[in-house]
Amino acid sequence: MQTVVGCQVGHDLGELVRKALRLLEAARGDVEGSFAPPGSYVEPFATRALGVTTGDDELLRRADERFRALGLVWHADQTEPLRRLRKLALG
């Protein structure tokens, strides 16, 4: 059994996901400010990651709009499954 971020993989995947989400939340300021400037190609990806991480529906809505504006419909369509996965992981 392999241990990752203090969790035994395979036994407690939910806990691993929760810890990963906390790490992502801690990096929120870095992502919002410099990594994905407004109007950039990576902006909707970063916005969606933040929305999924924080459970912020407004961020998810903005990411969806931005994906569609860029013609990235497939990526936009992945938002809802990611939202459901987060909800499932957090119980």
C-alpha atoms as a PDB file:
ATOM      1  CA  MET A   1       0.000   0.000   0.000  1.00  0.00           C
ATOM      2  CA  GLN A   2       1.443   3.359  -1.022  1.00  0.00           C
ATOM      3  CA  THR A   3       1.089   6.453   1.159  1.00  0.00           C
ATOM      4  CA  VAL A   4       0.445   9.810  -0.520  1.00  0.00           C
ATOM      5  CA  VAL A   5      -0.066  13.079   1.443  1.00  0.00           C
ATOM      6  CA  GLY A   6      -0.548  11.108   4.627  1.00  0.00           C
ATOM      7  CA  CYS A   7      -3.241   8.779   3.191  1.00  0.00           C
ATOM      8  CA  GLN A   8      -2.954   5.168   2.187  1.00  0.00           C
ATOM      9  CA  VAL A   9      -3.976   5.089  -1.466  1.00  0.00           C
ATOM     10  CA  GLY A  10      -6.733   2.593  -2.042  1.00  0.00           C
ATOM     11  CA  HIS A  11      -8.057   2.689   1.493  1.00  0.00           C
ATOM     12  CA  ASP A  12      -9.011   6.303   1.857  1.00  0.00           C
ATOM     13  CA  LEU A  13      -9.321   7.966  -1.539  1.00  0.00           C
ATOM     14  CA  GLY A  14     -11.904  10.417  -0.183  1.00  0.00           C
ATOM     15  CA  GLU A  15      -9.427  11.702   2.400  1.00  0.00           C
ATOM     16  CA  LEU A  16      -6.738  12.062  -0.268  1.00  0.00           C
ATOM     17  CA  VAL A  17      -9.113  14.108  -2.421  1.00  0.00           C
ATOM     18  CA  ARG A  18     -10.084  16.306   0.546  1.00  0.00           C
ATOM     19  CA  LYS A  19      -6.416  17.009   1.310  1.00  0.00           C
ATOM     20  CA  ALA A  20      -5.718  17.803  -2.351  1.00  0.00           C
ATOM     21  CA  LEU A  21      -8.655  20.215  -2.374  1.00  0.00           C
ATOM     22  CA  ARG A  22      -7.296  21.967   0.723  1.00  0.00           C
ATOM     23  CA  LEU A  23      -3.901  22.336  -0.959  1.00  0.00           C
ATOM     24  CA  LEU A  24      -5.524  23.808  -4.048  1.00  0.00           C
ATOM     25  CA  GLU A  25      -7.513  26.252  -1.945  1.00  0.00           C
ATOM     26  CA  ALA A  26      -4.311  27.397  -0.265  1.00  0.00           C
ATOM     27  CA  ALA A  27      -2.889  28.227  -3.701  1.00  0.00           C
ATOM     28  CA  ARG A  28      -5.974  30.187  -4.776  1.00  0.00           C
ATOM     29  CA  GLY A  29      -4.369  33.624  -4.650  1.00  0.00           C
ATOM     30  CA  ASP A  30      -1.425  32.521  -6.767  1.00  0.00           C
ATOM     31  CA  VAL A  31      -3.670  31.029  -9.432  1.00  0.00           C
ATOM     32  CA  GLU A  32      -6.064  33.966  -9.587  1.00  0.00           C
ATOM     33  CA  GLY A  33      -3.407  36.625  -9.707  1.00  0.00           C
ATOM     34  CA  SER A  34      -0.525  35.582 -11.882  1.00  0.00           C
ATOM     35  CA  PHE A  35      -1.039  32.133 -13.323  1.00  0.00           C
ATOM     36  CA  ALA A  36      -4.189  32.838 -15.319  1.00  0.00           C
ATOM     37  CA  PRO A  37      -4.549  36.496 -16.250  1.00  0.00           C
ATOM     38  CA  PRO A  38      -8.053  37.597 -17.296  1.00  0.00           C
ATOM     39  CA  GLY A  39      -8.683  36.962 -20.964  1.00  0.00           C
ATOM     40  CA  SER A  40      -5.915  34.362 -21.289  1.00  0.00           C
ATOM     41  CA  TYR A  41      -6.422  30.899 -22.758  1.00  0.00           C
ATOM     42  CA  VAL A  42      -5.786  29.240 -19.391  1.00  0.00           C
ATOM     43  CA  GLU A  43      -8.203  31.503 -17.485  1.00  0.00           C
ATOM     44  CA  PRO A  44     -11.280  29.233 -17.751  1.00  0.00           C
ATOM     45  CA  PHE A  45      -9.245  26.197 -16.682  1.00  0.00           C
ATOM     46  CA  ALA A  46      -7.941  27.991 -13.589  1.00  0.00           C
ATOM     47  CA  THR A  47     -11.352  29.504 -12.840  1.00  0.00           C
ATOM     48  CA  ARG A  48     -12.997  26.089 -13.048  1.00  0.00           C
ATOM     49  CA  ALA A  49     -10.311  24.519 -10.845  1.00  0.00           C
ATOM     50  CA  LEU A  50     -10.934  27.193  -8.231  1.00  0.00           C
ATOM     51  CA  GLY A  51     -14.690  26.764  -8.531  1.00  0.00           C
ATOM     52  CA  VAL A  52     -14.473  23.014  -8.063  1.00  0.00           C
ATOM     53  CA  THR A  53     -11.976  23.383  -5.234  1.00  0.00           C
ATOM     54  CA  THR A  54     -14.046  25.908  -3.316  1.00  0.00           C
ATOM     55  CA  GLY A  55     -17.517  24.789  -4.370  1.00  0.00           C
ATOM     56  CA  ASP A  56     -18.113  28.278  -5.803  1.00  0.00           C
ATOM     57  CA  ASP A  57     -20.933  28.042  -8.352  1.00  0.00           C
ATOM     58  CA  GLU A  58     -20.299  31.563  -9.640  1.00  0.00           C
ATOM     59  CA  LEU A  59     -16.730  30.650 -10.591  1.00  0.00           C
ATOM     60  CA  LEU A  60     -18.003  27.522 -12.317  1.00  0.00           C
ATOM     61  CA  ARG A  61     -20.559  29.575 -14.249  1.00  0.00           C
ATOM     62  CA  ARG A  62     -17.874  32.058 -15.331  1.00  0.00           C
ATOM     63  CA  ALA A  63     -15.557  29.249 -16.415  1.00  0.00           C
ATOM     64  CA  ASP A  64     -18.339  27.659 -18.447  1.00  0.00           C
ATOM     65  CA  GLU A  65     -19.088  30.962 -20.196  1.00  0.00           C
ATOM     66  CA  ARG A  66     -15.419  31.526 -20.958  1.00  0.00           C
ATOM     67  CA  PHE A  67     -14.900  27.991 -22.324  1.00  0.00           C
ATOM     68  CA  ARG A  68     -17.882  28.447 -24.632  1.00  0.00           C
ATOM     69  CA  ALA A  69     -16.719  31.896 -25.753  1.00  0.00           C
ATOM     70  CA  LEU A  70     -13.408  30.307 -26.750  1.00  0.00           C
ATOM     71  CA  GLY A  71     -15.211  27.488 -28.581  1.00  0.00           C
ATOM     72  CA  LEU A  72     -14.023  24.918 -26.033  1.00  0.00           C
ATOM     73  CA  VAL A  73     -17.397  23.214 -25.655  1.00  0.00           C
ATOM     74  CA  TRP A  74     -15.958  19.820 -24.703  1.00  0.00           C
ATOM     75  CA  HIS A  75     -14.070  21.428 -21.815  1.00  0.00           C
ATOM     76  CA  ALA A  76     -17.173  23.347 -20.769  1.00  0.00           C
ATOM     77  CA  ASP A  77     -19.127  20.093 -20.708  1.00  0.00           C
ATOM     78  CA  GLN A  78     -16.628  18.599 -18.228  1.00  0.00           C
ATOM     79  CA  THR A  79     -17.531  21.110 -15.525  1.00  0.00           C
ATOM     80  CA  GLU A  80     -20.650  19.364 -14.243  1.00  0.00           C
ATOM     81  CA  PRO A  81     -18.983  15.933 -13.911  1.00  0.00           C
ATOM     82  CA  LEU A  82     -16.154  17.608 -11.955  1.00  0.00           C
ATOM     83  CA  ARG A  83     -18.687  19.317  -9.690  1.00  0.00           C
ATOM     84  CA  ARG A  84     -20.382  15.949  -9.027  1.00  0.00           C
ATOM     85  CA  LEU A  85     -17.029  14.267  -8.347  1.00  0.00           C
ATOM     86  CA  ARG A  86     -16.166  16.932  -5.762  1.00  0.00           C
ATOM     87  CA  LYS A  87     -19.526  16.468  -4.064  1.00  0.00           C
ATOM     88  CA  LEU A  88     -19.059  12.703  -4.027  1.00  0.00           C
ATOM     89  CA  ALA A  89     -15.500  12.963  -2.645  1.00  0.00           C
ATOM     90  CA  LEU A  90     -16.525  15.305   0.159  1.00  0.00           C
ATOM     91  CA  GLY A  91     -19.588  13.296   1.071  1.00  0.00           C
END
